[in-house]
Amino acid sequence: DLVTAACSVAQCVDRDACTVLVHGSYGVDTTLQVCTLARVLLDPHARTLRGFQALIDHEWIKAGHPFADRSASGNPVFLLFLDGVHQIACQFPLSFEFNDAFLALLFEHAHASSFGTFLCNSDKSRAELDIEARCTSLWSYLSQKSVLTEYRNRLYRPRSGVLWPSVAAQSLQLWRRLYFQADVGPMPRTRLHDVIKDALDERQRGDDEI
């Protein structure tokens, strides 16, 4: 499980003050997923809109993750990472500046987009096809205040320190907005109650840490 592995890395770095070497048995994809999820747990800046964009741009796009190949083969590497972030955000609804609509937007444009951000497999390929001149960047589009407002988490309260999510099976939640897009409407009363409860629980945990 990616979140479990990311928690293990975060624990080694934060609590044990150890240097961690991460190597996935299935290649670089798992390594990338675990390391970037661990960064989200460890670094409060990575939980902001700008910080999360920078994380994806630096670790996924600039580092040469083959988005085109993975999308063509149906390999959900990026989706699993985003789902991991969603699982963490469900448990810490005050700690993320962006909402699940933002995560869903990233997934959609990573697979089919008029923007050039996720096209091709590397910066070299994008340069050869002159993608920067021929396509608008998704980040530029999202930099518009009128656009970004839709993807801000209205409950967001900046929180320093590391997040320690539960990795128990009962803590996992189906990503309704992504997997049931046609069915997404007003939030059900039971789900709204859960969000409010999670927010209050997180605030209490923050008070206890202080």
N, C-alpha and C. Protein backbone atom coordinates (compact mmCIF):
# COMPACT_ATOMS: atom_id res chain seq x y z
N ASP A 1 0.85 -1.20 0.00
CA ASP A 1 0.00 0.00 0.00
C ASP A 1 0.88 1.24 0.00
N LEU A 2 0.58 2.18 -0.90
CA LEU A 2 1.43 3.35 -1.07
C LEU A 2 1.44 4.26 0.15
N VAL A 3 0.28 4.48 0.75
CA VAL A 3 0.21 5.36 1.92
C VAL A 3 0.99 4.75 3.08
N THR A 4 0.88 3.44 3.27
CA THR A 4 1.63 2.77 4.33
C THR A 4 3.13 2.93 4.13
N ALA A 5 3.58 2.72 2.89
CA ALA A 5 5.01 2.87 2.58
C ALA A 5 5.46 4.30 2.79
N ALA A 6 4.64 5.26 2.38
CA ALA A 6 4.98 6.67 2.55
C ALA A 6 5.08 7.03 4.02
N CYS A 7 4.19 6.48 4.84
CA CYS A 7 4.25 6.71 6.30
C CYS A 7 5.53 6.15 6.89
N SER A 8 5.97 5.01 6.39
CA SER A 8 7.21 4.41 6.87
C SER A 8 8.40 5.30 6.55
N VAL A 9 8.42 5.85 5.35
CA VAL A 9 9.49 6.76 4.96
C VAL A 9 9.45 8.01 5.83
N ALA A 10 8.27 8.57 6.02
CA ALA A 10 8.12 9.79 6.84
C ALA A 10 8.59 9.54 8.27
N GLN A 11 8.28 8.36 8.80
CA GLN A 11 8.69 8.04 10.17
C GLN A 11 10.21 7.97 10.27
N CYS A 12 10.84 7.34 9.29
CA CYS A 12 12.31 7.24 9.31
C CYS A 12 12.96 8.62 9.25
N VAL A 13 12.39 9.50 8.42
CA VAL A 13 12.97 10.83 8.25
C VAL A 13 12.70 11.72 9.46
N ASP A 14 11.45 11.74 9.92
CA ASP A 14 11.05 12.70 10.96
C ASP A 14 11.38 12.21 12.37
N ARG A 15 11.05 10.99 12.68
CA ARG A 15 11.20 10.50 14.06
C ARG A 15 12.54 9.84 14.33
N ASP A 16 13.08 9.17 13.30
CA ASP A 16 14.35 8.47 13.49
C ASP A 16 15.54 9.24 12.96
N ALA A 17 15.27 10.36 12.26
CA ALA A 17 16.33 11.21 11.70
C ALA A 17 17.29 10.40 10.84
N CYS A 18 16.71 9.53 10.00
CA CYS A 18 17.52 8.65 9.15
C CYS A 18 17.43 9.08 7.69
N THR A 19 18.49 8.80 6.95
CA THR A 19 18.45 8.94 5.51
C THR A 19 17.79 7.69 4.94
N VAL A 20 16.90 7.87 3.98
CA VAL A 20 16.12 6.75 3.46
C VAL A 20 16.41 6.54 1.98
N LEU A 21 16.69 5.29 1.62
CA LEU A 21 16.83 4.90 0.22
C LEU A 21 15.57 4.13 -0.15
N VAL A 22 14.82 4.64 -1.12
CA VAL A 22 13.58 4.00 -1.54
C VAL A 22 13.79 3.35 -2.90
N HIS A 23 13.53 2.06 -2.96
CA HIS A 23 13.66 1.34 -4.23
C HIS A 23 12.48 0.40 -4.39
N GLY A 24 11.66 0.65 -5.40
CA GLY A 24 10.49 -0.18 -5.63
C GLY A 24 10.84 -1.43 -6.41
N SER A 25 10.29 -2.56 -6.01
CA SER A 25 10.58 -3.83 -6.69
C SER A 25 10.00 -3.87 -8.09
N TYR A 26 9.03 -2.96 -8.38
CA TYR A 26 8.41 -2.92 -9.69
C TYR A 26 8.95 -1.77 -10.55
N GLY A 27 10.10 -1.23 -10.18
CA GLY A 27 10.69 -0.17 -10.98
C GLY A 27 10.52 1.20 -10.37
N VAL A 28 10.77 2.21 -11.20
CA VAL A 28 10.81 3.59 -10.70
C VAL A 28 9.43 4.15 -10.38
N ASP A 29 8.37 3.59 -10.95
CA ASP A 29 7.03 4.13 -10.72
C ASP A 29 6.65 4.11 -9.25
N THR A 30 6.83 2.96 -8.60
CA THR A 30 6.48 2.84 -7.19
C THR A 30 7.36 3.74 -6.33
N THR A 31 8.62 3.82 -6.67
CA THR A 31 9.54 4.70 -5.94
C THR A 31 9.06 6.15 -5.99
N LEU A 32 8.67 6.58 -7.18
CA LEU A 32 8.19 7.95 -7.36
C LEU A 32 6.91 8.19 -6.56
N GLN A 33 5.99 7.26 -6.60
CA GLN A 33 4.74 7.40 -5.86
C GLN A 33 4.99 7.54 -4.36
N VAL A 34 5.81 6.64 -3.83
CA VAL A 34 6.06 6.62 -2.38
C VAL A 34 6.80 7.88 -1.94
N CYS A 35 7.82 8.28 -2.68
CA CYS A 35 8.63 9.44 -2.29
C CYS A 35 7.81 10.73 -2.32
N THR A 36 6.97 10.90 -3.34
CA THR A 36 6.19 12.13 -3.41
C THR A 36 5.05 12.14 -2.39
N LEU A 37 4.48 10.96 -2.10
CA LEU A 37 3.49 10.91 -1.02
C LEU A 37 4.13 11.22 0.33
N ALA A 38 5.34 10.72 0.55
CA ALA A 38 6.05 11.02 1.79
C ALA A 38 6.32 12.52 1.90
N ARG A 39 6.61 13.15 0.79
CA ARG A 39 6.84 14.61 0.78
C ARG A 39 5.57 15.35 1.20
N VAL A 40 4.42 14.88 0.74
CA VAL A 40 3.15 15.49 1.12
C VAL A 40 2.94 15.37 2.63
N LEU A 41 3.31 14.22 3.19
CA LEU A 41 3.16 14.02 4.63
C LEU A 41 4.11 14.91 5.43
N LEU A 42 5.32 15.06 4.94
CA LEU A 42 6.37 15.74 5.69
C LEU A 42 6.38 17.26 5.53
N ASP A 43 6.03 17.74 4.36
CA ASP A 43 6.23 19.14 4.02
C ASP A 43 4.90 19.89 3.91
N PRO A 44 4.61 20.80 4.82
CA PRO A 44 3.36 21.57 4.74
C PRO A 44 3.21 22.36 3.44
N HIS A 45 4.35 22.80 2.88
CA HIS A 45 4.28 23.57 1.63
C HIS A 45 3.73 22.72 0.48
N ALA A 46 4.02 21.42 0.52
CA ALA A 46 3.54 20.51 -0.53
C ALA A 46 2.03 20.31 -0.45
N ARG A 47 1.43 20.79 0.62
CA ARG A 47 -0.02 20.67 0.78
C ARG A 47 -0.75 21.96 0.39
N THR A 48 0.01 22.94 -0.11
CA THR A 48 -0.59 24.16 -0.64
C THR A 48 -0.76 24.00 -2.16
N LEU A 49 -1.54 24.87 -2.76
CA LEU A 49 -1.76 24.79 -4.20
C LEU A 49 -0.45 24.96 -4.97
N ARG A 50 0.30 26.00 -4.65
CA ARG A 50 1.56 26.26 -5.36
C ARG A 50 2.60 25.18 -5.05
N GLY A 51 2.64 24.77 -3.80
CA GLY A 51 3.62 23.76 -3.42
C GLY A 51 3.36 22.41 -4.07
N PHE A 52 2.09 22.04 -4.17
CA PHE A 52 1.74 20.76 -4.79
C PHE A 52 2.01 20.80 -6.29
N GLN A 53 1.71 21.93 -6.93
CA GLN A 53 2.04 22.08 -8.35
C GLN A 53 3.55 21.95 -8.56
N ALA A 54 4.33 22.59 -7.68
CA ALA A 54 5.79 22.53 -7.80
C ALA A 54 6.29 21.10 -7.60
N LEU A 55 5.68 20.38 -6.66
CA LEU A 55 6.07 18.99 -6.42
C LEU A 55 5.86 18.14 -7.67
N ILE A 56 4.70 18.26 -8.28
CA ILE A 56 4.40 17.48 -9.48
C ILE A 56 5.31 17.91 -10.64
N ASP A 57 5.50 19.21 -10.77
CA ASP A 57 6.32 19.72 -11.87
C ASP A 57 7.77 19.24 -11.75
N HIS A 58 8.30 19.27 -10.54
CA HIS A 58 9.71 18.91 -10.34
C HIS A 58 9.93 17.39 -10.33
N GLU A 59 9.12 16.68 -9.56
CA GLU A 59 9.36 15.25 -9.35
C GLU A 59 8.75 14.35 -10.43
N TRP A 60 7.68 14.80 -11.05
CA TRP A 60 7.02 13.98 -12.05
C TRP A 60 7.33 14.45 -13.48
N ILE A 61 7.10 15.73 -13.75
CA ILE A 61 7.23 16.21 -15.13
C ILE A 61 8.68 16.44 -15.52
N LYS A 62 9.39 17.29 -14.78
CA LYS A 62 10.77 17.60 -15.11
C LYS A 62 11.69 16.38 -14.97
N ALA A 63 11.36 15.49 -14.04
CA ALA A 63 12.19 14.31 -13.83
C ALA A 63 11.97 13.24 -14.90
N GLY A 64 10.99 13.45 -15.77
CA GLY A 64 10.84 12.55 -16.92
C GLY A 64 9.91 11.38 -16.75
N HIS A 65 8.88 11.51 -15.91
CA HIS A 65 7.91 10.43 -15.84
C HIS A 65 7.21 10.31 -17.20
N PRO A 66 7.16 9.11 -17.79
CA PRO A 66 6.59 8.94 -19.14
C PRO A 66 5.07 8.96 -19.15
N PHE A 67 4.49 10.12 -19.01
CA PHE A 67 3.03 10.24 -18.96
C PHE A 67 2.36 9.66 -20.21
N ALA A 68 2.92 9.93 -21.38
CA ALA A 68 2.31 9.45 -22.63
C ALA A 68 2.28 7.93 -22.68
N ASP A 69 3.38 7.29 -22.33
CA ASP A 69 3.44 5.83 -22.36
C ASP A 69 2.51 5.21 -21.33
N ARG A 70 2.52 5.76 -20.12
CA ARG A 70 1.68 5.20 -19.05
C ARG A 70 0.19 5.37 -19.40
N SER A 71 -0.15 6.50 -19.98
CA SER A 71 -1.55 6.73 -20.35
C SER A 71 -1.98 5.79 -21.46
N ALA A 72 -1.10 5.59 -22.44
CA ALA A 72 -1.43 4.71 -23.58
C ALA A 72 -1.59 3.27 -23.15
N SER A 73 -0.83 2.85 -22.14
CA SER A 73 -0.89 1.46 -21.68
C SER A 73 -1.96 1.23 -20.62
N GLY A 74 -2.59 2.31 -20.15
CA GLY A 74 -3.60 2.19 -19.11
C GLY A 74 -3.03 1.94 -17.74
N ASN A 75 -1.74 2.25 -17.56
CA ASN A 75 -1.09 2.05 -16.27
C ASN A 75 -1.40 3.25 -15.37
N PRO A 76 -2.14 3.05 -14.27
CA PRO A 76 -2.63 4.19 -13.46
C PRO A 76 -1.65 4.70 -12.41
N VAL A 77 -0.40 4.90 -12.80
CA VAL A 77 0.63 5.31 -11.84
C VAL A 77 0.29 6.65 -11.19
N PHE A 78 0.01 7.64 -12.01
CA PHE A 78 -0.28 8.98 -11.49
C PHE A 78 -1.60 8.99 -10.73
N LEU A 79 -2.57 8.24 -11.22
CA LEU A 79 -3.86 8.14 -10.54
C LEU A 79 -3.71 7.58 -9.13
N LEU A 80 -2.88 6.56 -8.97
CA LEU A 80 -2.69 5.96 -7.64
C LEU A 80 -2.04 6.96 -6.68
N PHE A 81 -1.12 7.76 -7.20
CA PHE A 81 -0.52 8.81 -6.37
C PHE A 81 -1.59 9.81 -5.93
N LEU A 82 -2.40 10.29 -6.88
CA LEU A 82 -3.44 11.26 -6.56
C LEU A 82 -4.46 10.67 -5.60
N ASP A 83 -4.78 9.40 -5.77
CA ASP A 83 -5.72 8.75 -4.86
C ASP A 83 -5.13 8.67 -3.46
N GLY A 84 -3.82 8.44 -3.37
CA GLY A 84 -3.16 8.43 -2.06
C GLY A 84 -3.26 9.79 -1.38
N VAL A 85 -3.07 10.86 -2.16
CA VAL A 85 -3.20 12.21 -1.61
C VAL A 85 -4.64 12.44 -1.16
N HIS A 86 -5.59 11.97 -1.95
CA HIS A 86 -7.00 12.10 -1.59
C HIS A 86 -7.31 11.39 -0.28
N GLN A 87 -6.75 10.18 -0.09
CA GLN A 87 -6.99 9.44 1.15
C GLN A 87 -6.47 10.21 2.36
N ILE A 88 -5.30 10.81 2.21
CA ILE A 88 -4.72 11.59 3.31
C ILE A 88 -5.56 12.84 3.58
N ALA A 89 -5.97 13.50 2.50
CA ALA A 89 -6.77 14.73 2.65
C ALA A 89 -8.12 14.45 3.31
N CYS A 90 -8.68 13.27 3.08
CA CYS A 90 -9.96 12.92 3.72
C CYS A 90 -9.81 12.85 5.23
N GLN A 91 -8.63 12.45 5.70
CA GLN A 91 -8.40 12.35 7.14
C GLN A 91 -7.94 13.68 7.74
N PHE A 92 -7.41 14.56 6.91
CA PHE A 92 -6.93 15.87 7.39
C PHE A 92 -7.52 16.97 6.51
N PRO A 93 -8.83 17.16 6.58
CA PRO A 93 -9.51 18.09 5.67
C PRO A 93 -9.15 19.56 5.85
N LEU A 94 -8.49 19.91 6.95
CA LEU A 94 -8.08 21.31 7.15
C LEU A 94 -6.67 21.58 6.64
N SER A 95 -5.91 20.53 6.34
CA SER A 95 -4.47 20.68 6.10
C SER A 95 -4.09 20.85 4.64
N PHE A 96 -5.06 20.80 3.74
CA PHE A 96 -4.76 20.92 2.31
C PHE A 96 -5.45 22.15 1.74
N GLU A 97 -4.69 22.98 1.04
CA GLU A 97 -5.25 24.19 0.48
C GLU A 97 -6.13 23.90 -0.73
N PHE A 98 -5.94 22.74 -1.37
CA PHE A 98 -6.72 22.37 -2.54
C PHE A 98 -7.75 21.31 -2.17
N ASN A 99 -8.77 21.18 -3.03
CA ASN A 99 -9.83 20.20 -2.79
C ASN A 99 -9.72 19.02 -3.74
N ASP A 100 -10.65 18.08 -3.63
CA ASP A 100 -10.57 16.89 -4.47
C ASP A 100 -10.89 17.18 -5.93
N ALA A 101 -11.58 18.29 -6.21
CA ALA A 101 -11.82 18.69 -7.59
C ALA A 101 -10.50 19.04 -8.29
N PHE A 102 -9.57 19.61 -7.53
CA PHE A 102 -8.24 19.94 -8.07
C PHE A 102 -7.48 18.67 -8.43
N LEU A 103 -7.54 17.67 -7.56
CA LEU A 103 -6.87 16.40 -7.84
C LEU A 103 -7.49 15.72 -9.05
N ALA A 104 -8.82 15.75 -9.15
CA ALA A 104 -9.50 15.15 -10.30
C ALA A 104 -9.12 15.88 -11.59
N LEU A 105 -8.98 17.20 -11.52
CA LEU A 105 -8.58 17.99 -12.68
C LEU A 105 -7.20 17.56 -13.18
N LEU A 106 -6.27 17.36 -12.25
CA LEU A 106 -4.92 16.94 -12.63
C LEU A 106 -4.95 15.57 -13.31
N PHE A 107 -5.74 14.67 -12.77
CA PHE A 107 -5.84 13.34 -13.38
C PHE A 107 -6.38 13.44 -14.81
N GLU A 108 -7.44 14.21 -15.00
CA GLU A 108 -8.06 14.33 -16.31
C GLU A 108 -7.09 14.90 -17.34
N HIS A 109 -6.35 15.95 -16.96
CA HIS A 109 -5.44 16.58 -17.91
C HIS A 109 -4.16 15.79 -18.11
N ALA A 110 -3.86 14.88 -17.21
CA ALA A 110 -2.69 14.01 -17.40
C ALA A 110 -2.96 12.95 -18.48
N HIS A 111 -4.24 12.73 -18.77
CA HIS A 111 -4.61 11.69 -19.75
C HIS A 111 -5.17 12.25 -21.04
N ALA A 112 -5.83 13.37 -20.98
CA ALA A 112 -6.39 13.98 -22.20
C ALA A 112 -6.53 15.47 -21.96
N SER A 113 -5.75 16.26 -22.69
CA SER A 113 -5.70 17.68 -22.37
C SER A 113 -5.33 18.52 -23.57
N SER A 114 -5.86 19.72 -23.59
CA SER A 114 -5.46 20.70 -24.60
C SER A 114 -4.25 21.50 -24.11
N PHE A 115 -3.89 21.31 -22.84
CA PHE A 115 -2.70 21.95 -22.28
C PHE A 115 -1.47 21.07 -22.55
N GLY A 116 -0.30 21.69 -22.54
CA GLY A 116 0.90 20.94 -22.88
C GLY A 116 1.66 20.37 -21.70
N THR A 117 1.19 20.63 -20.50
CA THR A 117 1.94 20.29 -19.29
C THR A 117 2.28 18.82 -19.17
N PHE A 118 1.32 17.94 -19.43
CA PHE A 118 1.54 16.51 -19.24
C PHE A 118 1.78 15.75 -20.55
N LEU A 119 1.96 16.48 -21.66
CA LEU A 119 2.17 15.81 -22.93
C LEU A 119 3.57 15.21 -23.02
N CYS A 120 3.71 14.14 -23.81
CA CYS A 120 4.99 13.48 -24.09
C CYS A 120 5.53 12.74 -22.86
N ASN A 121 6.78 12.28 -22.98
CA ASN A 121 7.39 11.48 -21.92
C ASN A 121 8.53 12.18 -21.19
N SER A 122 8.97 13.32 -21.73
CA SER A 122 10.12 13.98 -21.12
C SER A 122 10.22 15.42 -21.60
N ASP A 123 11.05 16.20 -20.94
CA ASP A 123 11.30 17.58 -21.37
C ASP A 123 11.93 17.59 -22.76
N LYS A 124 12.78 16.60 -23.03
CA LYS A 124 13.43 16.52 -24.35
C LYS A 124 12.38 16.36 -25.45
N SER A 125 11.43 15.47 -25.23
CA SER A 125 10.38 15.26 -26.23
C SER A 125 9.51 16.50 -26.39
N ARG A 126 9.22 17.15 -25.29
CA ARG A 126 8.40 18.37 -25.35
C ARG A 126 9.13 19.48 -26.09
N ALA A 127 10.46 19.57 -25.90
CA ALA A 127 11.25 20.59 -26.59
C ALA A 127 11.31 20.31 -28.08
N GLU A 128 11.47 19.04 -28.46
CA GLU A 128 11.55 18.67 -29.87
C GLU A 128 10.25 18.99 -30.60
N LEU A 129 9.12 18.87 -29.91
CA LEU A 129 7.82 19.16 -30.52
C LEU A 129 7.37 20.60 -30.28
N ASP A 130 8.23 21.38 -29.62
CA ASP A 130 7.95 22.79 -29.35
C ASP A 130 6.61 22.97 -28.62
N ILE A 131 6.40 22.11 -27.62
CA ILE A 131 5.14 22.10 -26.88
C ILE A 131 4.91 23.42 -26.15
N GLU A 132 5.95 23.99 -25.60
CA GLU A 132 5.80 25.21 -24.82
C GLU A 132 5.24 26.36 -25.65
N ALA A 133 5.67 26.43 -26.91
CA ALA A 133 5.20 27.51 -27.79
C ALA A 133 3.83 27.19 -28.40
N ARG A 134 3.55 25.92 -28.55
CA ARG A 134 2.31 25.53 -29.26
C ARG A 134 1.12 25.29 -28.32
N CYS A 135 1.41 25.07 -27.04
CA CYS A 135 0.33 24.77 -26.09
C CYS A 135 0.45 25.64 -24.84
N THR A 136 -0.68 25.94 -24.26
CA THR A 136 -0.71 26.68 -22.99
C THR A 136 -0.41 25.73 -21.85
N SER A 137 0.25 26.22 -20.83
CA SER A 137 0.54 25.41 -19.65
C SER A 137 -0.68 25.35 -18.74
N LEU A 138 -0.92 24.18 -18.18
CA LEU A 138 -2.01 24.04 -17.22
C LEU A 138 -1.77 24.92 -16.01
N TRP A 139 -0.51 25.07 -15.61
CA TRP A 139 -0.18 25.89 -14.45
C TRP A 139 -0.52 27.36 -14.71
N SER A 140 -0.32 27.81 -15.95
CA SER A 140 -0.67 29.19 -16.29
C SER A 140 -2.17 29.40 -16.20
N TYR A 141 -2.91 28.42 -16.67
CA TYR A 141 -4.37 28.48 -16.58
C TYR A 141 -4.83 28.54 -15.13
N LEU A 142 -4.21 27.72 -14.29
CA LEU A 142 -4.60 27.66 -12.89
C LEU A 142 -4.12 28.87 -12.08
N SER A 143 -3.24 29.65 -12.66
CA SER A 143 -2.75 30.83 -11.94
C SER A 143 -3.78 31.96 -11.92
N GLN A 144 -4.81 31.85 -12.74
CA GLN A 144 -5.86 32.86 -12.77
C GLN A 144 -6.74 32.73 -11.51
N LYS A 145 -6.92 33.83 -10.81
CA LYS A 145 -7.67 33.81 -9.56
C LYS A 145 -9.11 33.32 -9.76
N SER A 146 -9.70 33.72 -10.88
CA SER A 146 -11.09 33.31 -11.13
C SER A 146 -11.21 31.81 -11.32
N VAL A 147 -10.14 31.19 -11.80
CA VAL A 147 -10.13 29.74 -12.01
C VAL A 147 -9.77 29.02 -10.72
N LEU A 148 -8.75 29.53 -10.05
CA LEU A 148 -8.22 28.86 -8.87
C LEU A 148 -9.22 28.79 -7.73
N THR A 149 -10.11 29.75 -7.67
CA THR A 149 -11.10 29.79 -6.58
C THR A 149 -11.90 28.49 -6.49
N GLU A 150 -12.19 27.90 -7.64
CA GLU A 150 -12.98 26.67 -7.68
C GLU A 150 -12.26 25.50 -7.01
N TYR A 151 -10.95 25.57 -6.97
CA TYR A 151 -10.16 24.44 -6.48
C TYR A 151 -9.55 24.67 -5.10
N ARG A 152 -9.92 25.75 -4.46
CA ARG A 152 -9.44 26.01 -3.11
C ARG A 152 -10.31 25.31 -2.07
N ASN A 153 -9.67 24.82 -1.05
CA ASN A 153 -10.38 24.21 0.07
C ASN A 153 -10.78 25.31 1.05
N ARG A 154 -12.06 25.54 1.19
CA ARG A 154 -12.53 26.63 2.05
C ARG A 154 -12.29 26.35 3.53
N LEU A 155 -12.02 25.10 3.87
CA LEU A 155 -11.75 24.75 5.27
C LEU A 155 -10.27 24.86 5.63
N TYR A 156 -9.44 25.21 4.65
CA TYR A 156 -7.99 25.14 4.84
C TYR A 156 -7.50 26.02 5.98
N ARG A 157 -6.70 25.40 6.85
CA ARG A 157 -5.99 26.10 7.91
C ARG A 157 -4.55 25.61 7.89
N PRO A 158 -3.59 26.48 7.56
CA PRO A 158 -2.19 26.04 7.48
C PRO A 158 -1.77 25.31 8.75
N ARG A 159 -1.12 24.19 8.56
CA ARG A 159 -0.70 23.39 9.70
C ARG A 159 0.75 22.96 9.52
N SER A 160 1.59 23.27 10.47
CA SER A 160 2.99 22.87 10.40
C SER A 160 3.10 21.43 10.91
N GLY A 161 4.20 20.82 10.61
CA GLY A 161 4.43 19.47 11.11
C GLY A 161 3.99 18.39 10.14
N VAL A 162 4.21 17.16 10.58
CA VAL A 162 3.98 15.98 9.76
C VAL A 162 2.56 15.46 9.97
N LEU A 163 1.98 14.93 8.91
CA LEU A 163 0.67 14.28 9.01
C LEU A 163 0.87 12.78 9.19
N TRP A 164 0.11 12.21 10.12
CA TRP A 164 0.20 10.76 10.37
C TRP A 164 -1.17 10.13 10.17
N PRO A 165 -1.50 9.76 8.92
CA PRO A 165 -2.82 9.20 8.65
C PRO A 165 -2.94 7.76 9.11
N SER A 166 -4.16 7.34 9.35
CA SER A 166 -4.43 5.93 9.61
C SER A 166 -4.34 5.16 8.30
N VAL A 167 -3.73 3.99 8.34
CA VAL A 167 -3.61 3.18 7.13
C VAL A 167 -4.49 1.93 7.22
N ALA A 168 -5.37 1.90 8.21
CA ALA A 168 -6.29 0.77 8.35
C ALA A 168 -7.27 0.77 7.18
N ALA A 169 -7.69 -0.41 6.77
CA ALA A 169 -8.57 -0.55 5.62
C ALA A 169 -9.86 0.25 5.78
N GLN A 170 -10.39 0.30 7.00
CA GLN A 170 -11.65 1.01 7.22
C GLN A 170 -11.50 2.53 7.11
N SER A 171 -10.26 3.01 7.05
CA SER A 171 -10.03 4.45 6.92
C SER A 171 -10.05 4.90 5.46
N LEU A 172 -9.98 3.95 4.53
CA LEU A 172 -9.96 4.29 3.11
C LEU A 172 -11.35 4.67 2.62
N GLN A 173 -11.40 5.64 1.73
CA GLN A 173 -12.68 6.11 1.18
C GLN A 173 -12.63 6.10 -0.34
N LEU A 174 -13.72 5.66 -0.95
CA LEU A 174 -13.82 5.68 -2.39
C LEU A 174 -13.85 7.12 -2.87
N TRP A 175 -13.06 7.42 -3.89
CA TRP A 175 -12.98 8.77 -4.43
C TRP A 175 -14.19 9.00 -5.34
N ARG A 176 -15.26 9.44 -4.71
CA ARG A 176 -16.54 9.56 -5.40
C ARG A 176 -16.50 10.53 -6.56
N ARG A 177 -15.85 11.66 -6.39
CA ARG A 177 -15.83 12.68 -7.44
C ARG A 177 -15.18 12.15 -8.71
N LEU A 178 -14.18 11.31 -8.58
CA LEU A 178 -13.48 10.81 -9.76
C LEU A 178 -14.16 9.58 -10.36
N TYR A 179 -14.52 8.63 -9.51
CA TYR A 179 -15.03 7.36 -10.02
C TYR A 179 -16.53 7.37 -10.32
N PHE A 180 -17.24 8.35 -9.78
CA PHE A 180 -18.67 8.48 -10.05
C PHE A 180 -18.99 9.90 -10.47
N GLN A 181 -18.30 10.39 -11.49
CA GLN A 181 -18.45 11.79 -11.89
C GLN A 181 -19.87 12.14 -12.29
N ALA A 182 -20.55 11.23 -12.95
CA ALA A 182 -21.92 11.51 -13.40
C ALA A 182 -22.88 11.60 -12.22
N ASP A 183 -22.44 11.06 -11.07
CA ASP A 183 -23.33 11.00 -9.91
C ASP A 183 -22.99 12.06 -8.86
N VAL A 184 -22.00 12.92 -9.20
CA VAL A 184 -21.56 13.91 -8.23
C VAL A 184 -22.54 15.08 -8.20
N GLY A 185 -23.17 15.28 -7.05
CA GLY A 185 -24.09 16.39 -6.87
C GLY A 185 -23.83 16.99 -5.52
N PRO A 186 -24.83 17.53 -4.87
CA PRO A 186 -24.66 18.04 -3.51
C PRO A 186 -24.16 16.93 -2.59
N MET A 187 -23.29 17.28 -1.69
CA MET A 187 -22.72 16.28 -0.79
C MET A 187 -23.80 15.67 0.11
N PRO A 188 -23.89 14.32 0.15
CA PRO A 188 -24.89 13.70 1.02
C PRO A 188 -24.72 14.14 2.47
N ARG A 189 -25.82 14.17 3.21
CA ARG A 189 -25.78 14.63 4.59
C ARG A 189 -24.81 13.80 5.43
N THR A 190 -24.79 12.47 5.20
CA THR A 190 -23.89 11.61 5.99
C THR A 190 -22.44 11.94 5.68
N ARG A 191 -22.12 12.20 4.40
CA ARG A 191 -20.74 12.54 4.02
C ARG A 191 -20.37 13.91 4.59
N LEU A 192 -21.28 14.87 4.52
CA LEU A 192 -21.02 16.19 5.07
C LEU A 192 -20.74 16.10 6.56
N HIS A 193 -21.52 15.27 7.24
CA HIS A 193 -21.30 15.06 8.68
C HIS A 193 -19.91 14.50 8.93
N ASP A 194 -19.47 13.55 8.08
CA ASP A 194 -18.15 12.95 8.24
C ASP A 194 -17.05 13.99 8.03
N VAL A 195 -17.22 14.86 7.03
CA VAL A 195 -16.22 15.89 6.76
C VAL A 195 -16.08 16.83 7.94
N ILE A 196 -17.21 17.26 8.48
CA ILE A 196 -17.19 18.17 9.64
C ILE A 196 -16.55 17.48 10.84
N LYS A 197 -16.90 16.21 11.05
CA LYS A 197 -16.33 15.46 12.17
C LYS A 197 -14.82 15.31 12.00
N ASP A 198 -14.38 14.98 10.78
CA ASP A 198 -12.94 14.84 10.53
C ASP A 198 -12.22 16.16 10.76
N ALA A 199 -12.85 17.27 10.35
CA ALA A 199 -12.23 18.58 10.54
C ALA A 199 -12.09 18.90 12.02
N LEU A 200 -13.12 18.61 12.79
CA LEU A 200 -13.07 18.86 14.24
C LEU A 200 -12.04 17.96 14.90
N ASP A 201 -11.97 16.71 14.47
CA ASP A 201 -10.98 15.78 15.02
C ASP A 201 -9.58 16.25 14.73
N GLU A 202 -9.37 16.75 13.50
CA GLU A 202 -8.03 17.22 13.14
C GLU A 202 -7.65 18.45 13.96
N ARG A 203 -8.61 19.35 14.15
CA ARG A 203 -8.34 20.55 14.95
C ARG A 203 -7.98 20.16 16.40
N GLN A 204 -8.67 19.14 16.92
CA GLN A 204 -8.38 18.67 18.27
C GLN A 204 -6.99 18.07 18.35
N ARG A 205 -6.62 17.30 17.32
CA ARG A 205 -5.26 16.72 17.29
C ARG A 205 -4.21 17.82 17.26
N GLY A 206 -4.49 18.88 16.48
CA GLY A 206 -3.55 20.00 16.44
C GLY A 206 -3.41 20.69 17.77
N ASP A 207 -4.52 20.86 18.47
CA ASP A 207 -4.48 21.47 19.81
C ASP A 207 -3.70 20.60 20.78
N ASP A 208 -3.88 19.28 20.68
CA ASP A 208 -3.18 18.36 21.56
C ASP A 208 -1.67 18.40 21.32
N GLU A 209 -1.28 18.56 20.04
CA GLU A 209 0.14 18.61 19.72
C GLU A 209 0.79 19.86 20.29
N ILE A 210 0.01 20.98 20.27
CA ILE A 210 0.54 22.23 20.84
C ILE A 210 0.67 22.11 22.34
